[in-house]
Structure formats: C-alpha cells, structure tokens
C-alpha cells in the first residue's frame, strides 16, 4: 500500500533498542530510547540534581555568582586582598612582586625601615685644629646596610679664620671631645671668615654611608683650623636607613 492513512490505534512490531533503519518506530521504541538517554544524562546524579530544571536552578544560584567573582586572564582587576606566590629575592623577570618580595629588597619604605633623629642641639665646646668635636652621635643599623645621614648646625669662625669641617664615621665607641681625628671622612665643608667680626656660619653635611646590621656606628666632626680654636654648635642629626 502506498502512503496508507491509518485510523484508530494502529500497531506494529517494536524494533529492538538501538535500531537505526527505516523500520516503523512504535511508541514503546521511542519511550525506551528516551529513557535510555535520560538514564545516561542523569547517571548517578543525586536527588535534586537529576532534572534539567534542577541543574539550571543550581547553576543560576551557585555557578553564575562564582563566575562573576573570577578575574579575567586578560587585564584582570582585583579587589580585596589578592595574593600570589612570593618570588625568590634575586628574581628579575615579569613575575608578580608581592609585598614580601618588595620588603626583602630593602627598598626605602616610609615607616618600614628604622630612622633616628637627634635634635638635642649638641654643643660640646671649642676644640683645636685636628681634634674631634666629641658629639657622641651613635646609631646601630636595624635592617639596612645603607644609611643617609644629615647633620646641621653652626660653626664659629673669627676674623680671617679658615675652618674645614670633616664629617667622620667609625664603629664602636664614639671618640671623646679633643681626641685626635679618627674614623673615615664621609663628607667635608670649608669656610673662610673675611668679615670684620667673629660670626657663626650655618652648616649642613649630608652623606650616603654604609654599615653592618647590628653593629654600632658613630658620627662626629673634626676641624682643621687656620688659627686658634673653633667649635660646632647646635648640632641636629637625622639618620635614615634605605
């Protein structure tokens, strides 16, 4: 019969599961195939996650919000307190530098390294040429081996007097006032008073200096004076580890 038109409840033999030809598919064949697909999809899924609707609801409630909190690989923008592995101290490439890596470099970090200030306006008294002023300034590096020291004050000079100041440093006990010049010269300054009266010259000596962590350093001034005596007055000192 060509193109028959059935009415009522026509029936036919049900093909075996998995049949794939021109055989008529009964409702039993279709239902069995549908159940097989559902079983394969669901598998061992737990109750509450064994329908497409339940899976969709779970994705909307849990997966989508989690994805929204993830950063893109390309040009990500982080919030909160993002963390990363800390590279080795000597690392020098495109790795992310954590705060621990930066601090390990001993770079200048405001408030992160030790500093020292002495604004006692020290003025030990007059000394002769070639002697130490005896300021008694000491500092022990806490973290860095590099220091910036700045010393300000005034120096007395009589008429026609030439005075050369030497900022010196050493380790151990600071030299006493009047001791012979000692230590390493780290900066110097010379002045000449060609005025008709004795005056006090303002001075400022700054130096980049080094030491060892835990080893005390001293800083002092020695003078070379053309005549008579001189002295450094009102000495203020600042030291910063870098």
Protein backbone atom coordinates (compact mmCIF):
# COMPACT_ATOMS: atom_id res chain seq x y z
CA UNK A 1 0.00 0.00 0.00
CA UNK A 2 1.36 3.40 -0.92
CA UNK A 3 1.01 6.13 1.68
CA UNK A 4 -1.59 4.41 3.85
CA UNK A 5 -3.71 6.52 6.21
CA UNK A 6 -4.41 4.66 9.43
CA UNK A 7 -7.10 5.44 11.95
CA UNK A 8 -7.85 4.22 15.44
CA UNK A 9 -4.85 2.68 17.21
CA UNK A 10 -2.68 1.08 14.56
CA UNK A 11 0.09 -1.09 15.92
CA UNK A 12 3.28 -2.67 14.69
CA UNK A 13 6.24 -4.67 15.92
CA UNK A 14 8.60 -2.73 18.21
CA UNK A 15 12.16 -2.62 16.81
CA UNK A 16 15.00 -3.65 19.07
CA UNK A 17 16.67 -0.90 21.10
CA UNK A 18 19.32 0.87 19.08
CA UNK A 19 17.68 0.01 15.73
CA UNK A 20 18.59 2.60 13.10
CA UNK A 21 16.93 1.93 9.76
CA UNK A 22 13.59 2.56 8.02
CA UNK A 23 11.56 0.34 10.42
CA UNK A 24 8.45 1.89 11.91
CA UNK A 25 9.14 3.30 15.39
CA UNK A 26 6.46 2.39 17.88
CA UNK A 27 5.74 4.47 20.96
CA UNK A 28 7.44 1.76 23.01
CA UNK A 29 10.62 2.13 20.91
CA UNK A 30 10.61 5.94 21.28
CA UNK A 31 9.89 5.82 25.02
CA UNK A 32 12.66 3.26 25.54
CA UNK A 33 15.14 5.38 23.60
CA UNK A 34 14.08 8.47 25.58
CA UNK A 35 14.53 6.67 28.89
CA UNK A 36 17.94 5.44 27.82
CA UNK A 37 19.08 8.98 27.01
CA UNK A 38 17.71 10.28 30.32
CA UNK A 39 19.46 7.50 32.21
CA UNK A 40 22.74 8.31 30.51
CA UNK A 41 22.31 12.00 31.27
CA UNK A 42 21.32 11.54 34.89
CA UNK A 43 23.63 8.65 35.65
CA UNK A 44 24.27 8.57 39.40
CA UNK A 45 23.10 12.15 39.98
CA UNK A 46 21.63 12.72 43.42
CA UNK A 47 18.05 13.67 44.07
CA UNK A 48 17.60 17.36 43.46
CA UNK A 49 20.12 17.35 40.60
CA UNK A 50 18.53 14.74 38.33
CA UNK A 51 16.44 17.00 36.12
CA UNK A 52 17.45 19.75 33.72
CA UNK A 53 15.38 22.25 35.67
CA UNK A 54 17.16 21.42 38.92
CA UNK A 55 20.54 21.66 37.23
CA UNK A 56 19.60 25.01 35.73
CA UNK A 57 18.48 26.35 39.13
CA UNK A 58 21.75 25.21 40.73
CA UNK A 59 23.80 26.93 38.02
CA UNK A 60 21.86 30.17 38.41
CA UNK A 61 22.15 30.14 42.21
CA UNK A 62 25.74 28.92 42.62
CA UNK A 63 27.86 28.75 39.47
CA UNK A 64 26.97 32.09 37.89
CA UNK A 65 27.73 34.16 41.05
CA UNK A 66 31.04 32.33 41.47
CA UNK A 67 32.00 33.08 37.87
CA UNK A 68 31.16 36.72 38.48
CA UNK A 69 33.80 36.83 41.23
CA UNK A 70 36.54 35.47 38.98
CA UNK A 71 39.04 37.75 37.24
CA UNK A 72 39.69 37.68 33.53
CA UNK A 73 43.07 36.38 32.44
CA UNK A 74 43.47 39.43 30.20
CA UNK A 75 43.88 42.70 32.16
CA UNK A 76 42.22 41.47 35.38
CA UNK A 77 41.03 43.91 38.04
CA UNK A 78 41.41 42.56 41.58
CA UNK A 79 39.70 43.70 44.75
CA UNK A 80 40.10 42.84 48.42
CA UNK A 81 43.48 41.33 49.35
CA UNK A 82 44.75 39.39 46.30
CA UNK A 83 47.75 37.16 46.93
CA UNK A 84 50.40 35.48 44.80
CA UNK A 85 53.48 33.30 45.33
CA UNK A 86 56.47 35.33 46.55
CA UNK A 87 59.38 35.14 44.07
CA UNK A 88 62.94 34.49 45.20
CA UNK A 89 64.69 37.63 46.45
CA UNK A 90 67.02 37.75 43.42
CA UNK A 91 64.22 37.19 40.89
CA UNK A 92 64.27 39.66 38.00
CA UNK A 93 61.60 38.89 35.42
CA UNK A 94 57.87 39.51 34.84
CA UNK A 95 56.73 37.61 37.94
CA UNK A 96 54.27 39.37 40.24
CA UNK A 97 56.11 41.11 43.09
CA UNK A 98 54.37 40.53 46.42
CA UNK A 99 54.77 42.89 49.38
CA UNK A 100 57.08 40.31 50.97
CA UNK A 101 59.32 40.39 47.87
CA UNK A 102 59.47 44.20 47.90
CA UNK A 103 60.37 44.37 51.60
CA UNK A 104 63.08 41.75 51.09
CA UNK A 105 64.81 44.14 48.65
CA UNK A 106 65.39 46.65 51.48
CA UNK A 107 63.99 49.45 49.37
CA UNK A 108 63.01 52.67 51.07
CA UNK A 109 59.54 52.15 52.51
CA UNK A 110 58.07 55.01 54.57
CA UNK A 111 57.74 53.76 58.12
CA UNK A 112 59.09 50.36 57.11
CA UNK A 113 62.75 50.97 57.97
CA UNK A 114 64.41 52.43 61.03
CA UNK A 115 65.31 56.07 61.35
CA UNK A 116 66.96 58.19 64.01
CA UNK A 117 66.79 61.84 64.88
CA UNK A 118 68.71 63.84 67.47
CA UNK A 119 67.54 67.41 67.90
CA UNK A 120 69.26 67.99 71.21
CA UNK A 121 71.31 70.82 69.65
CA UNK A 122 74.62 69.41 70.87
CA UNK A 123 77.41 71.90 71.60
CA UNK A 124 80.37 70.22 73.39
CA UNK A 125 82.65 73.29 73.28
CA UNK A 126 85.71 74.68 71.50
CA UNK A 127 88.46 72.41 70.11
CA UNK A 128 91.83 72.92 68.44
CA UNK A 129 92.80 72.04 64.90
CA UNK A 130 92.93 68.30 64.19
CA UNK A 131 90.67 67.34 67.10
CA UNK A 132 87.29 65.60 67.25
CA UNK A 133 84.31 67.64 68.36
CA UNK A 134 83.00 64.82 70.56
CA UNK A 135 79.35 64.94 69.51
CA UNK A 136 78.74 61.38 70.72
CA UNK A 137 76.29 60.50 67.93
CA UNK A 138 75.83 56.73 67.61
CA UNK A 139 73.48 54.58 65.57
CA UNK A 140 73.08 50.82 65.11
CA UNK A 141 71.52 49.76 61.77
CA UNK A 142 68.43 47.64 62.31
CA UNK A 143 67.69 46.28 58.83
CA UNK A 144 69.62 48.01 56.06
CA UNK A 145 73.34 48.36 55.41
CA UNK A 146 72.82 51.72 53.68
CA UNK A 147 72.23 54.95 55.55
CA UNK A 148 71.62 58.60 54.79
CA UNK A 149 72.94 60.94 57.49
CA UNK A 150 72.22 64.65 57.62
CA UNK A 151 73.90 66.91 60.18
CA UNK A 152 73.09 70.59 60.61
CA UNK A 153 74.26 73.30 62.98
CA UNK A 154 76.64 76.26 63.06
CA UNK A 155 80.40 76.67 63.35
CA UNK A 156 82.23 79.62 64.91
CA UNK A 157 84.92 81.45 62.95
CA UNK A 158 86.89 84.50 64.00
CA UNK A 159 88.00 87.22 61.58
CA UNK A 160 90.30 85.83 58.86
CA UNK A 161 89.94 82.26 60.14
CA UNK A 162 89.67 79.35 57.71
CA UNK A 163 87.83 76.32 59.11
CA UNK A 164 87.45 72.94 57.41
CA UNK A 165 84.89 70.51 58.82
CA UNK A 166 85.18 66.76 58.28
CA UNK A 167 82.17 64.54 58.90
CA UNK A 168 83.64 61.25 60.09
CA UNK A 169 82.32 57.79 60.96
CA UNK A 170 83.59 54.64 62.59
CA UNK A 171 82.44 51.61 64.59
CA UNK A 172 82.39 51.01 68.30
CA UNK A 173 82.72 53.75 70.90
CA UNK A 174 82.39 57.34 69.75
CA UNK A 175 85.55 59.49 70.22
CA UNK A 176 85.67 61.98 73.06
CA UNK A 177 85.92 65.74 72.64
CA UNK A 178 89.51 66.76 71.85
CA UNK A 179 90.58 63.30 70.68
CA UNK A 180 92.86 63.11 67.64
CA UNK A 181 91.00 62.98 64.34
CA UNK A 182 89.96 59.40 63.59
CA UNK A 183 87.47 57.40 61.56
CA UNK A 184 86.61 57.65 57.88
CA UNK A 185 85.84 61.01 56.26
CA UNK A 186 82.42 60.80 54.58
CA UNK A 187 81.93 64.50 53.76
CA UNK A 188 83.66 67.81 54.31
CA UNK A 189 83.00 71.56 54.18
CA UNK A 190 85.33 74.59 54.26
CA UNK A 191 84.63 78.20 55.12
CA UNK A 192 86.61 81.44 55.44
CA UNK A 193 85.54 84.38 57.56
CA UNK A 194 86.56 87.54 55.72
CA UNK A 195 84.27 89.69 57.83
CA UNK A 196 85.47 92.24 60.35
CA UNK A 197 83.77 90.41 63.21
CA UNK A 198 83.55 86.84 64.54
CA UNK A 199 80.48 85.07 63.21
CA UNK A 200 78.68 81.72 63.28
CA UNK A 201 78.29 80.05 59.90
CA UNK A 202 75.36 77.69 59.28
CA UNK A 203 76.46 74.25 58.13
CA UNK A 204 74.74 71.23 56.58
CA UNK A 205 76.57 67.98 55.89
CA UNK A 206 74.82 65.04 54.22
CA UNK A 207 76.32 61.68 53.29
CA UNK A 208 75.32 58.27 52.00
CA UNK A 209 77.08 55.77 54.20
CA UNK A 210 77.10 52.04 54.90
CA UNK A 211 77.42 49.73 57.86
CA UNK A 212 76.50 46.29 59.10
CA UNK A 213 73.18 45.39 60.67
CA UNK A 214 73.59 45.18 64.44
CA UNK A 215 76.99 46.92 64.51
CA UNK A 216 77.10 50.36 66.18
CA UNK A 217 78.35 53.30 64.13
CA UNK A 218 79.45 56.67 65.45
CA UNK A 219 79.37 60.01 63.64
CA UNK A 220 81.39 63.08 64.60
CA UNK A 221 83.11 66.17 63.21
CA UNK A 222 86.78 67.04 63.27
CA UNK A 223 88.07 70.53 62.46
CA UNK A 224 91.14 71.84 60.69
CA UNK A 225 91.56 75.46 61.82
CA UNK A 226 93.98 78.04 60.44
CA UNK A 227 94.33 79.83 63.79
CA UNK A 228 93.20 79.48 67.40
CA UNK A 229 90.15 77.31 68.12
CA UNK A 230 86.61 76.81 66.83
CA UNK A 231 83.54 74.79 67.70
CA UNK A 232 80.39 73.37 66.19
CA UNK A 233 77.17 74.49 67.88
CA UNK A 234 73.50 73.49 67.84
CA UNK A 235 74.10 70.16 66.10
CA UNK A 236 70.99 68.31 64.92
CA UNK A 237 71.25 64.89 63.28
CA UNK A 238 68.96 62.73 61.15
CA UNK A 239 69.79 59.18 60.05
CA UNK A 240 67.60 57.08 57.74
CA UNK A 241 68.09 53.50 56.65
CA UNK A 242 67.44 52.95 52.93
